[in-house]
Amino acid sequence: MTNLLPALHEGHAPITLQNLFRDALEAYDDWGEGMPEPVVSYEGKLIAISEVFDWMKPCTDIMPANLIGIVTDRLNKPWSGDGPLDEMTFSTAARVMSVMTRRQLHRFGRGSIEVFAKRFSQPLSAGA
């Protein structure tokens, strides 16, 4: 499914992909126990957040400061980047979030997106 996502160009992600990464971070933040893996929408297609994180692993762009906290709040150790302002690349964030997503999936179970989506896409019957 990741072939639906825009390609990186020499390690740089288009803004649409950076925005999708932000959406995936926010979806992860809202992920609760017993819920299936969150999905984000890109051009009308639902994509699991783990696929977005995996797709961004080679991205060398610097993350916006307002997104770094979403990632660093989940770390067991304080974040210390190499840059003068503790910069974090999308690659680093994607790798961290990939691990966090795998742990969450292991803890909560993968769930079935298809079953979840089907449940909410069917019209309610008059007898229900």
C-alpha atoms as a PDB file:
ATOM      1  CA  MET A   1       0.000   0.000   0.000  1.00  0.00           C
ATOM      2  CA  THR A   2       2.921   2.363   0.578  1.00  0.00           C
ATOM      3  CA  ASN A   3       3.346   2.718  -3.186  1.00  0.00           C
ATOM      4  CA  LEU A   4       0.360   5.091  -2.919  1.00  0.00           C
ATOM      5  CA  LEU A   5       2.479   7.555  -0.986  1.00  0.00           C
ATOM      6  CA  PRO A   6       4.544  10.242  -2.717  1.00  0.00           C
ATOM      7  CA  ALA A   7       8.195   9.416  -3.251  1.00  0.00           C
ATOM      8  CA  LEU A   8      11.037  11.068  -1.410  1.00  0.00           C
ATOM      9  CA  HIS A   9      13.417  13.074  -3.565  1.00  0.00           C
ATOM     10  CA  GLU A  10      17.029  12.639  -2.458  1.00  0.00           C
ATOM     11  CA  GLY A  11      15.868  12.149   1.130  1.00  0.00           C
ATOM     12  CA  HIS A  12      13.403  15.034   1.092  1.00  0.00           C
ATOM     13  CA  ALA A  13       9.667  14.595   1.554  1.00  0.00           C
ATOM     14  CA  PRO A  14       7.040  16.759  -0.128  1.00  0.00           C
ATOM     15  CA  ILE A  15       4.937  18.820   2.263  1.00  0.00           C
ATOM     16  CA  THR A  16       1.951  16.519   1.687  1.00  0.00           C
ATOM     17  CA  LEU A  17       3.957  13.606   3.069  1.00  0.00           C
ATOM     18  CA  GLN A  18       5.201  15.675   6.011  1.00  0.00           C
ATOM     19  CA  ASN A  19       1.581  16.574   6.779  1.00  0.00           C
ATOM     20  CA  LEU A  20       0.587  12.918   6.537  1.00  0.00           C
ATOM     21  CA  PHE A  21       3.368  12.071   9.004  1.00  0.00           C
ATOM     22  CA  ARG A  22       1.950  14.706  11.376  1.00  0.00           C
ATOM     23  CA  ASP A  23      -1.505  13.146  11.000  1.00  0.00           C
ATOM     24  CA  ALA A  24      -0.021   9.720  11.780  1.00  0.00           C
ATOM     25  CA  LEU A  25       1.643  11.111  14.922  1.00  0.00           C
ATOM     26  CA  GLU A  26      -1.651  12.602  16.065  1.00  0.00           C
ATOM     27  CA  ALA A  27      -3.481   9.336  15.319  1.00  0.00           C
ATOM     28  CA  TYR A  28      -0.884   7.449  17.364  1.00  0.00           C
ATOM     29  CA  ASP A  29      -1.394   9.938  20.189  1.00  0.00           C
ATOM     30  CA  ASP A  30      -5.138   9.142  20.220  1.00  0.00           C
ATOM     31  CA  TRP A  31      -4.655   5.357  19.992  1.00  0.00           C
ATOM     32  CA  GLY A  32      -6.263   3.630  22.949  1.00  0.00           C
ATOM     33  CA  GLU A  33      -6.180   0.159  24.378  1.00  0.00           C
ATOM     34  CA  GLY A  34      -8.136  -2.404  22.425  1.00  0.00           C
ATOM     35  CA  MET A  35      -8.427  -0.185  19.353  1.00  0.00           C
ATOM     36  CA  PRO A  36      -7.134  -1.347  15.965  1.00  0.00           C
ATOM     37  CA  GLU A  37      -4.077   0.331  14.498  1.00  0.00           C
ATOM     38  CA  PRO A  38      -5.040   3.859  13.480  1.00  0.00           C
ATOM     39  CA  VAL A  39      -5.180   4.823   9.839  1.00  0.00           C
ATOM     40  CA  VAL A  40      -4.780   8.135   8.052  1.00  0.00           C
ATOM     41  CA  SER A  41      -6.317   9.175   4.786  1.00  0.00           C
ATOM     42  CA  TYR A  42      -4.262  10.054   1.733  1.00  0.00           C
ATOM     43  CA  GLU A  43      -6.021  10.812  -1.544  1.00  0.00           C
ATOM     44  CA  GLY A  44      -9.086   8.891  -0.423  1.00  0.00           C
ATOM     45  CA  LYS A  45      -7.138   5.780   0.647  1.00  0.00           C
ATOM     46  CA  LEU A  46      -6.735   4.590   4.232  1.00  0.00           C
ATOM     47  CA  ILE A  47      -3.140   3.897   5.207  1.00  0.00           C
ATOM     48  CA  ALA A  48      -2.006   2.353   8.499  1.00  0.00           C
ATOM     49  CA  ILE A  49       0.201   4.686  10.521  1.00  0.00           C
ATOM     50  CA  SER A  50       2.942   2.028  10.634  1.00  0.00           C
ATOM     51  CA  GLU A  51       3.207   2.274   6.840  1.00  0.00           C
ATOM     52  CA  VAL A  52       3.588   6.055   6.996  1.00  0.00           C
ATOM     53  CA  PHE A  53       6.327   5.732   9.612  1.00  0.00           C
ATOM     54  CA  ASP A  54       8.121   3.056   7.587  1.00  0.00           C
ATOM     55  CA  TRP A  55       7.899   5.175   4.430  1.00  0.00           C
ATOM     56  CA  MET A  56       9.532   8.162   6.170  1.00  0.00           C
ATOM     57  CA  LYS A  57      12.552   6.268   7.539  1.00  0.00           C
ATOM     58  CA  PRO A  58      14.890   7.530   4.777  1.00  0.00           C
ATOM     59  CA  CYS A  59      13.708  11.172   5.098  1.00  0.00           C
ATOM     60  CA  THR A  60      16.533  13.524   6.084  1.00  0.00           C
ATOM     61  CA  ASP A  61      14.347  16.620   6.545  1.00  0.00           C
ATOM     62  CA  ILE A  62      14.352  18.288   9.963  1.00  0.00           C
ATOM     63  CA  MET A  63      11.115  17.861  11.906  1.00  0.00           C
ATOM     64  CA  PRO A  64       9.227  20.991  12.919  1.00  0.00           C
ATOM     65  CA  ALA A  65       9.730  21.772  16.598  1.00  0.00           C
ATOM     66  CA  ASN A  66       6.016  21.475  17.347  1.00  0.00           C
ATOM     67  CA  LEU A  67       6.063  17.798  16.324  1.00  0.00           C
ATOM     68  CA  ILE A  68       9.199  16.759  18.166  1.00  0.00           C
ATOM     69  CA  GLY A  69       7.406  16.782  21.530  1.00  0.00           C
ATOM     70  CA  ILE A  70       4.885  14.190  20.341  1.00  0.00           C
ATOM     71  CA  VAL A  71       7.800  11.837  19.705  1.00  0.00           C
ATOM     72  CA  THR A  72      10.067  12.718  22.641  1.00  0.00           C
ATOM     73  CA  ASP A  73       7.249  12.490  25.201  1.00  0.00           C
ATOM     74  CA  ARG A  74       7.200   8.742  24.574  1.00  0.00           C
ATOM     75  CA  LEU A  75      10.928   8.160  25.068  1.00  0.00           C
ATOM     76  CA  ASN A  76      12.290   6.586  28.241  1.00  0.00           C
ATOM     77  CA  LYS A  77      15.400   8.766  28.063  1.00  0.00           C
ATOM     78  CA  PRO A  78      15.573  12.502  27.385  1.00  0.00           C
ATOM     79  CA  TRP A  79      16.143  13.399  23.737  1.00  0.00           C
ATOM     80  CA  SER A  80      19.477  14.985  22.875  1.00  0.00           C
ATOM     81  CA  GLY A  81      20.012  15.707  19.207  1.00  0.00           C
ATOM     82  CA  ASP A  82      23.234  16.419  17.382  1.00  0.00           C
ATOM     83  CA  GLY A  83      22.216  19.896  16.257  1.00  0.00           C
ATOM     84  CA  PRO A  84      22.545  23.173  18.133  1.00  0.00           C
ATOM     85  CA  LEU A  85      18.816  23.173  18.862  1.00  0.00           C
ATOM     86  CA  ASP A  86      18.452  19.426  19.433  1.00  0.00           C
ATOM     87  CA  GLU A  87      17.107  18.959  15.925  1.00  0.00           C
ATOM     88  CA  MET A  88      15.440  15.696  14.999  1.00  0.00           C
ATOM     89  CA  THR A  89      15.053  14.407  11.461  1.00  0.00           C
ATOM     90  CA  PHE A  90      11.904  12.742  10.173  1.00  0.00           C
ATOM     91  CA  SER A  91      14.069   9.632   9.786  1.00  0.00           C
ATOM     92  CA  THR A  92      14.842   9.513  13.500  1.00  0.00           C
ATOM     93  CA  ALA A  93      11.239  10.207  14.435  1.00  0.00           C
ATOM     94  CA  ALA A  94       9.981   7.583  11.970  1.00  0.00           C
ATOM     95  CA  ARG A  95      12.320   4.960  13.423  1.00  0.00           C
ATOM     96  CA  VAL A  96      11.240   5.774  16.974  1.00  0.00           C
ATOM     97  CA  MET A  97       7.561   5.728  16.032  1.00  0.00           C
ATOM     98  CA  SER A  98       7.954   2.456  14.113  1.00  0.00           C
ATOM     99  CA  VAL A  99       9.265   0.806  17.263  1.00  0.00           C
ATOM    100  CA  MET A 100       6.538   2.399  19.389  1.00  0.00           C
ATOM    101  CA  THR A 101       3.849   1.271  16.934  1.00  0.00           C
ATOM    102  CA  ARG A 102       5.168  -2.305  16.896  1.00  0.00           C
ATOM    103  CA  ARG A 103       5.141  -2.334  20.706  1.00  0.00           C
ATOM    104  CA  GLN A 104       1.610  -0.969  20.793  1.00  0.00           C
ATOM    105  CA  LEU A 105       0.450  -3.563  18.238  1.00  0.00           C
ATOM    106  CA  HIS A 106       2.075  -6.315  20.275  1.00  0.00           C
ATOM    107  CA  ARG A 107       0.449  -5.036  23.469  1.00  0.00           C
ATOM    108  CA  PHE A 108      -3.030  -4.330  22.091  1.00  0.00           C
ATOM    109  CA  GLY A 109      -3.155  -6.660  19.097  1.00  0.00           C
ATOM    110  CA  ARG A 110      -3.398  -5.576  15.501  1.00  0.00           C
ATOM    111  CA  GLY A 111      -7.188  -5.584  15.274  1.00  0.00           C
ATOM    112  CA  SER A 112      -8.869  -5.637  11.919  1.00  0.00           C
ATOM    113  CA  ILE A 113      -9.242  -2.348  10.132  1.00  0.00           C
ATOM    114  CA  GLU A 114     -11.511  -4.006   7.577  1.00  0.00           C
ATOM    115  CA  VAL A 115     -13.917  -5.300  10.244  1.00  0.00           C
ATOM    116  CA  PHE A 116     -13.856  -1.950  12.026  1.00  0.00           C
ATOM    117  CA  ALA A 117     -14.519  -0.012   8.810  1.00  0.00           C
ATOM    118  CA  LYS A 118     -17.213  -2.453   7.671  1.00  0.00           C
ATOM    119  CA  ARG A 119     -19.023  -2.093  10.994  1.00  0.00           C
ATOM    120  CA  PHE A 120     -19.376   1.667  10.503  1.00  0.00           C
ATOM    121  CA  SER A 121     -20.056   1.642   6.765  1.00  0.00           C
ATOM    122  CA  GLN A 122     -23.207  -0.485   6.901  1.00  0.00           C
ATOM    123  CA  PRO A 123     -26.550   1.322   7.237  1.00  0.00           C
ATOM    124  CA  LEU A 124     -28.475   0.819  10.421  1.00  0.00           C
ATOM    125  CA  SER A 125     -31.536  -1.360  10.060  1.00  0.00           C
ATOM    126  CA  ALA A 126     -34.924  -0.231  11.345  1.00  0.00           C
ATOM    127  CA  GLY A 127     -35.082  -3.187  13.748  1.00  0.00           C
ATOM    128  CA  ALA A 128     -31.756  -2.418  15.405  1.00  0.00           C
END
